[in-house]
Amino acid sequence: MIHSCAGGVIRDKKSFTLAKVEILSTGEPRWYISNLPLLEVGDEVIVPFGRENVEVRARVLRIDKGVSEQVTPVPLKSLKEIFRLAD
C-alpha cells in the first residue's frame, strides 16, 4: 500500500492475466480475465458469452500476464472471467 503526501492512502494497483480468445461459433475475438494457472495459447476454454452469459467454446489466441488495471485493452468492468478449460 502506498501513502500519499497528504496522509491518505493510494490504493494498491492490481494486475491481471488476460486472455484474448476466438469464440469458435462466431470467429469473434474477445478478452477475458484468466485465473487458470496452466492456460496456454491454443487451449480451448469455456467462456461466458453475450448478455445471457451462455457457455461457449473458445480458443486462446494470446495471453498477457501482469496487466495493470489502468492499461487493460478493454475497460476492466466489461471483462468476464474464463470458466474452465474445455474437455
N, C-alpha and C. Protein backbone atom coordinates (compact mmCIF):
# COMPACT_ATOMS: atom_id res chain seq x y z
N MET A 1 0.85 -1.18 0.00
CA MET A 1 0.00 0.00 0.00
C MET A 1 0.89 1.23 0.00
N ILE A 2 0.51 2.23 -0.74
CA ILE A 2 1.28 3.46 -0.86
C ILE A 2 0.53 4.59 -0.15
N HIS A 3 1.26 5.39 0.60
CA HIS A 3 0.65 6.53 1.29
C HIS A 3 0.94 7.81 0.50
N SER A 4 -0.04 8.67 0.43
CA SER A 4 0.17 9.94 -0.26
C SER A 4 0.80 10.95 0.69
N CYS A 5 1.32 12.04 0.14
CA CYS A 5 1.93 13.09 0.95
C CYS A 5 0.90 13.78 1.85
N ALA A 6 -0.35 13.74 1.47
CA ALA A 6 -1.41 14.40 2.24
C ALA A 6 -1.93 13.52 3.37
N GLY A 7 -1.34 12.34 3.53
CA GLY A 7 -1.75 11.48 4.64
C GLY A 7 -2.79 10.45 4.27
N GLY A 8 -3.32 10.50 3.06
CA GLY A 8 -4.30 9.50 2.62
C GLY A 8 -3.60 8.27 2.09
N VAL A 9 -4.36 7.31 1.70
CA VAL A 9 -3.81 6.07 1.17
C VAL A 9 -4.21 5.94 -0.30
N ILE A 10 -3.23 5.69 -1.13
CA ILE A 10 -3.49 5.42 -2.53
C ILE A 10 -3.65 3.92 -2.65
N ARG A 11 -4.74 3.47 -3.28
CA ARG A 11 -4.99 2.04 -3.33
C ARG A 11 -3.92 1.30 -4.12
N ASP A 12 -3.71 0.04 -3.73
CA ASP A 12 -2.75 -0.80 -4.44
C ASP A 12 -3.24 -1.06 -5.85
N LYS A 13 -2.32 -1.12 -6.77
CA LYS A 13 -2.66 -1.42 -8.16
C LYS A 13 -2.72 -2.94 -8.31
N LYS A 14 -3.81 -3.42 -8.86
CA LYS A 14 -3.95 -4.85 -9.10
C LYS A 14 -3.45 -5.16 -10.50
N SER A 15 -3.01 -6.39 -10.68
CA SER A 15 -2.65 -6.84 -12.02
C SER A 15 -3.41 -8.13 -12.32
N PHE A 16 -3.61 -8.38 -13.59
CA PHE A 16 -4.44 -9.49 -14.03
C PHE A 16 -3.74 -10.26 -15.14
N THR A 17 -4.17 -11.50 -15.32
CA THR A 17 -3.79 -12.26 -16.51
C THR A 17 -4.99 -12.19 -17.44
N LEU A 18 -4.77 -11.68 -18.65
CA LEU A 18 -5.84 -11.55 -19.62
C LEU A 18 -5.57 -12.49 -20.78
N ALA A 19 -6.65 -13.06 -21.30
CA ALA A 19 -6.54 -13.95 -22.45
C ALA A 19 -7.43 -13.43 -23.58
N LYS A 20 -6.84 -13.31 -24.75
CA LYS A 20 -7.63 -12.98 -25.94
C LYS A 20 -8.03 -14.31 -26.56
N VAL A 21 -9.33 -14.48 -26.77
CA VAL A 21 -9.83 -15.74 -27.30
C VAL A 21 -10.64 -15.50 -28.56
N GLU A 22 -10.80 -16.55 -29.34
CA GLU A 22 -11.69 -16.52 -30.50
C GLU A 22 -12.89 -17.39 -30.16
N ILE A 23 -14.09 -16.80 -30.19
CA ILE A 23 -15.31 -17.57 -29.96
C ILE A 23 -15.47 -18.49 -31.17
N LEU A 24 -15.49 -19.78 -30.96
CA LEU A 24 -15.47 -20.73 -32.07
C LEU A 24 -16.72 -20.66 -32.93
N SER A 25 -17.87 -20.38 -32.34
CA SER A 25 -19.11 -20.37 -33.13
C SER A 25 -19.25 -19.13 -34.02
N THR A 26 -18.56 -18.04 -33.67
CA THR A 26 -18.72 -16.80 -34.44
C THR A 26 -17.42 -16.29 -35.06
N GLY A 27 -16.28 -16.77 -34.56
CA GLY A 27 -14.99 -16.27 -35.01
C GLY A 27 -14.62 -14.93 -34.41
N GLU A 28 -15.44 -14.46 -33.48
CA GLU A 28 -15.25 -13.14 -32.88
C GLU A 28 -14.16 -13.17 -31.79
N PRO A 29 -13.22 -12.22 -31.82
CA PRO A 29 -12.22 -12.15 -30.74
C PRO A 29 -12.78 -11.40 -29.53
N ARG A 30 -12.43 -11.86 -28.35
CA ARG A 30 -12.85 -11.23 -27.09
C ARG A 30 -11.74 -11.39 -26.06
N TRP A 31 -11.69 -10.45 -25.12
CA TRP A 31 -10.75 -10.52 -24.00
C TRP A 31 -11.47 -11.02 -22.75
N TYR A 32 -10.79 -11.87 -21.98
CA TYR A 32 -11.32 -12.41 -20.72
C TYR A 32 -10.22 -12.39 -19.67
N ILE A 33 -10.64 -12.33 -18.41
CA ILE A 33 -9.72 -12.50 -17.29
C ILE A 33 -9.51 -13.99 -17.09
N SER A 34 -8.28 -14.39 -16.82
CA SER A 34 -8.00 -15.80 -16.58
C SER A 34 -7.38 -15.99 -15.19
N ASN A 35 -7.91 -16.95 -14.46
CA ASN A 35 -7.31 -17.38 -13.20
C ASN A 35 -6.83 -18.82 -13.32
N LEU A 36 -6.67 -19.29 -14.56
CA LEU A 36 -6.22 -20.66 -14.82
C LEU A 36 -4.69 -20.66 -14.93
N PRO A 37 -3.99 -21.23 -13.97
CA PRO A 37 -2.53 -21.13 -13.95
C PRO A 37 -1.82 -21.85 -15.11
N LEU A 38 -2.43 -22.87 -15.68
CA LEU A 38 -1.78 -23.64 -16.73
C LEU A 38 -2.29 -23.31 -18.13
N LEU A 39 -2.98 -22.21 -18.28
CA LEU A 39 -3.55 -21.81 -19.56
C LEU A 39 -2.44 -21.52 -20.57
N GLU A 40 -2.60 -22.03 -21.80
CA GLU A 40 -1.62 -21.81 -22.86
C GLU A 40 -2.32 -21.39 -24.14
N VAL A 41 -1.59 -20.69 -24.99
CA VAL A 41 -2.11 -20.32 -26.30
C VAL A 41 -2.46 -21.61 -27.04
N GLY A 42 -3.63 -21.63 -27.67
CA GLY A 42 -4.10 -22.81 -28.39
C GLY A 42 -5.08 -23.65 -27.60
N ASP A 43 -5.13 -23.47 -26.28
CA ASP A 43 -6.09 -24.21 -25.46
C ASP A 43 -7.51 -23.82 -25.81
N GLU A 44 -8.43 -24.77 -25.67
CA GLU A 44 -9.84 -24.46 -25.81
C GLU A 44 -10.43 -24.30 -24.41
N VAL A 45 -11.25 -23.27 -24.25
CA VAL A 45 -11.82 -22.93 -22.95
C VAL A 45 -13.33 -22.73 -23.08
N ILE A 46 -14.00 -22.73 -21.95
CA ILE A 46 -15.42 -22.41 -21.89
C ILE A 46 -15.52 -21.02 -21.26
N VAL A 47 -16.22 -20.11 -21.97
CA VAL A 47 -16.35 -18.72 -21.52
C VAL A 47 -17.81 -18.29 -21.53
N PRO A 48 -18.16 -17.28 -20.72
CA PRO A 48 -19.50 -16.70 -20.79
C PRO A 48 -19.57 -15.77 -22.00
N PHE A 49 -20.70 -15.82 -22.72
CA PHE A 49 -20.81 -15.03 -23.95
C PHE A 49 -22.17 -14.36 -24.01
N GLY A 50 -22.16 -13.09 -24.37
CA GLY A 50 -23.39 -12.33 -24.54
C GLY A 50 -24.01 -11.90 -23.22
N ARG A 51 -25.13 -11.22 -23.33
CA ARG A 51 -25.82 -10.72 -22.13
C ARG A 51 -26.32 -11.84 -21.23
N GLU A 52 -26.63 -12.97 -21.85
CA GLU A 52 -27.14 -14.12 -21.09
C GLU A 52 -26.03 -14.96 -20.46
N ASN A 53 -24.77 -14.63 -20.78
CA ASN A 53 -23.61 -15.39 -20.29
C ASN A 53 -23.71 -16.87 -20.63
N VAL A 54 -24.11 -17.15 -21.87
CA VAL A 54 -24.20 -18.53 -22.35
C VAL A 54 -22.80 -19.12 -22.40
N GLU A 55 -22.64 -20.36 -21.97
CA GLU A 55 -21.33 -21.02 -22.02
C GLU A 55 -21.03 -21.44 -23.45
N VAL A 56 -19.91 -20.93 -24.00
CA VAL A 56 -19.49 -21.28 -25.35
C VAL A 56 -18.02 -21.67 -25.35
N ARG A 57 -17.62 -22.38 -26.40
CA ARG A 57 -16.22 -22.77 -26.57
C ARG A 57 -15.45 -21.65 -27.26
N ALA A 58 -14.20 -21.51 -26.85
CA ALA A 58 -13.32 -20.51 -27.45
C ALA A 58 -11.90 -21.05 -27.47
N ARG A 59 -11.08 -20.52 -28.36
CA ARG A 59 -9.67 -20.90 -28.45
C ARG A 59 -8.81 -19.71 -28.03
N VAL A 60 -7.83 -19.98 -27.18
CA VAL A 60 -6.94 -18.93 -26.68
C VAL A 60 -5.96 -18.52 -27.77
N LEU A 61 -5.96 -17.22 -28.09
CA LEU A 61 -5.08 -16.67 -29.12
C LEU A 61 -3.84 -16.00 -28.52
N ARG A 62 -4.00 -15.44 -27.32
CA ARG A 62 -2.92 -14.65 -26.72
C ARG A 62 -3.14 -14.60 -25.22
N ILE A 63 -2.05 -14.56 -24.46
CA ILE A 63 -2.12 -14.42 -23.01
C ILE A 63 -1.20 -13.29 -22.59
N ASP A 64 -1.72 -12.33 -21.85
CA ASP A 64 -0.94 -11.22 -21.31
C ASP A 64 -0.98 -11.31 -19.80
N LYS A 65 0.19 -11.50 -19.17
CA LYS A 65 0.27 -11.62 -17.71
C LYS A 65 0.72 -10.31 -17.09
N GLY A 66 0.26 -10.06 -15.87
CA GLY A 66 0.68 -8.88 -15.13
C GLY A 66 0.15 -7.58 -15.69
N VAL A 67 -1.03 -7.60 -16.29
CA VAL A 67 -1.62 -6.40 -16.88
C VAL A 67 -2.25 -5.55 -15.77
N SER A 68 -1.83 -4.31 -15.68
CA SER A 68 -2.36 -3.37 -14.69
C SER A 68 -3.79 -3.00 -15.05
N GLU A 69 -4.60 -2.74 -14.04
CA GLU A 69 -6.00 -2.36 -14.31
C GLU A 69 -6.09 -1.03 -15.06
N GLN A 70 -5.02 -0.24 -15.07
CA GLN A 70 -5.03 1.03 -15.78
C GLN A 70 -4.77 0.87 -17.29
N VAL A 71 -4.27 -0.27 -17.71
CA VAL A 71 -3.90 -0.43 -19.13
C VAL A 71 -4.52 -1.67 -19.79
N THR A 72 -5.65 -2.10 -19.32
CA THR A 72 -6.31 -3.24 -19.96
C THR A 72 -6.77 -2.85 -21.36
N PRO A 73 -6.80 -3.82 -22.30
CA PRO A 73 -7.18 -3.50 -23.68
C PRO A 73 -8.65 -3.09 -23.84
N VAL A 74 -9.48 -3.47 -22.90
CA VAL A 74 -10.89 -3.05 -22.84
C VAL A 74 -11.16 -2.66 -21.40
N PRO A 75 -12.20 -1.88 -21.12
CA PRO A 75 -12.47 -1.49 -19.73
C PRO A 75 -12.60 -2.70 -18.80
N LEU A 76 -11.95 -2.62 -17.67
CA LEU A 76 -11.92 -3.74 -16.72
C LEU A 76 -13.32 -4.18 -16.31
N LYS A 77 -14.23 -3.24 -16.13
CA LYS A 77 -15.58 -3.61 -15.67
C LYS A 77 -16.36 -4.39 -16.72
N SER A 78 -15.91 -4.38 -17.98
CA SER A 78 -16.61 -5.13 -19.01
C SER A 78 -16.01 -6.52 -19.24
N LEU A 79 -14.89 -6.82 -18.59
CA LEU A 79 -14.25 -8.12 -18.76
C LEU A 79 -14.95 -9.19 -17.94
N LYS A 80 -15.13 -10.34 -18.55
CA LYS A 80 -15.68 -11.51 -17.85
C LYS A 80 -14.55 -12.49 -17.63
N GLU A 81 -14.79 -13.50 -16.80
CA GLU A 81 -13.76 -14.45 -16.45
C GLU A 81 -13.98 -15.78 -17.17
N ILE A 82 -12.89 -16.38 -17.62
CA ILE A 82 -12.95 -17.72 -18.23
C ILE A 82 -13.47 -18.70 -17.19
N PHE A 83 -14.43 -19.55 -17.59
CA PHE A 83 -14.98 -20.53 -16.65
C PHE A 83 -14.00 -21.67 -16.37
N ARG A 84 -13.53 -22.31 -17.46
CA ARG A 84 -12.68 -23.50 -17.28
C ARG A 84 -12.11 -23.92 -18.63
N LEU A 85 -11.14 -24.85 -18.56
CA LEU A 85 -10.63 -25.47 -19.78
C LEU A 85 -11.72 -26.38 -20.35
N ALA A 86 -11.80 -26.46 -21.67
CA ALA A 86 -12.77 -27.35 -22.31
C ALA A 86 -12.27 -28.79 -22.22
N ASP A 87 -13.19 -29.71 -22.21
CA ASP A 87 -12.83 -31.15 -22.17
C ASP A 87 -12.33 -31.61 -23.50
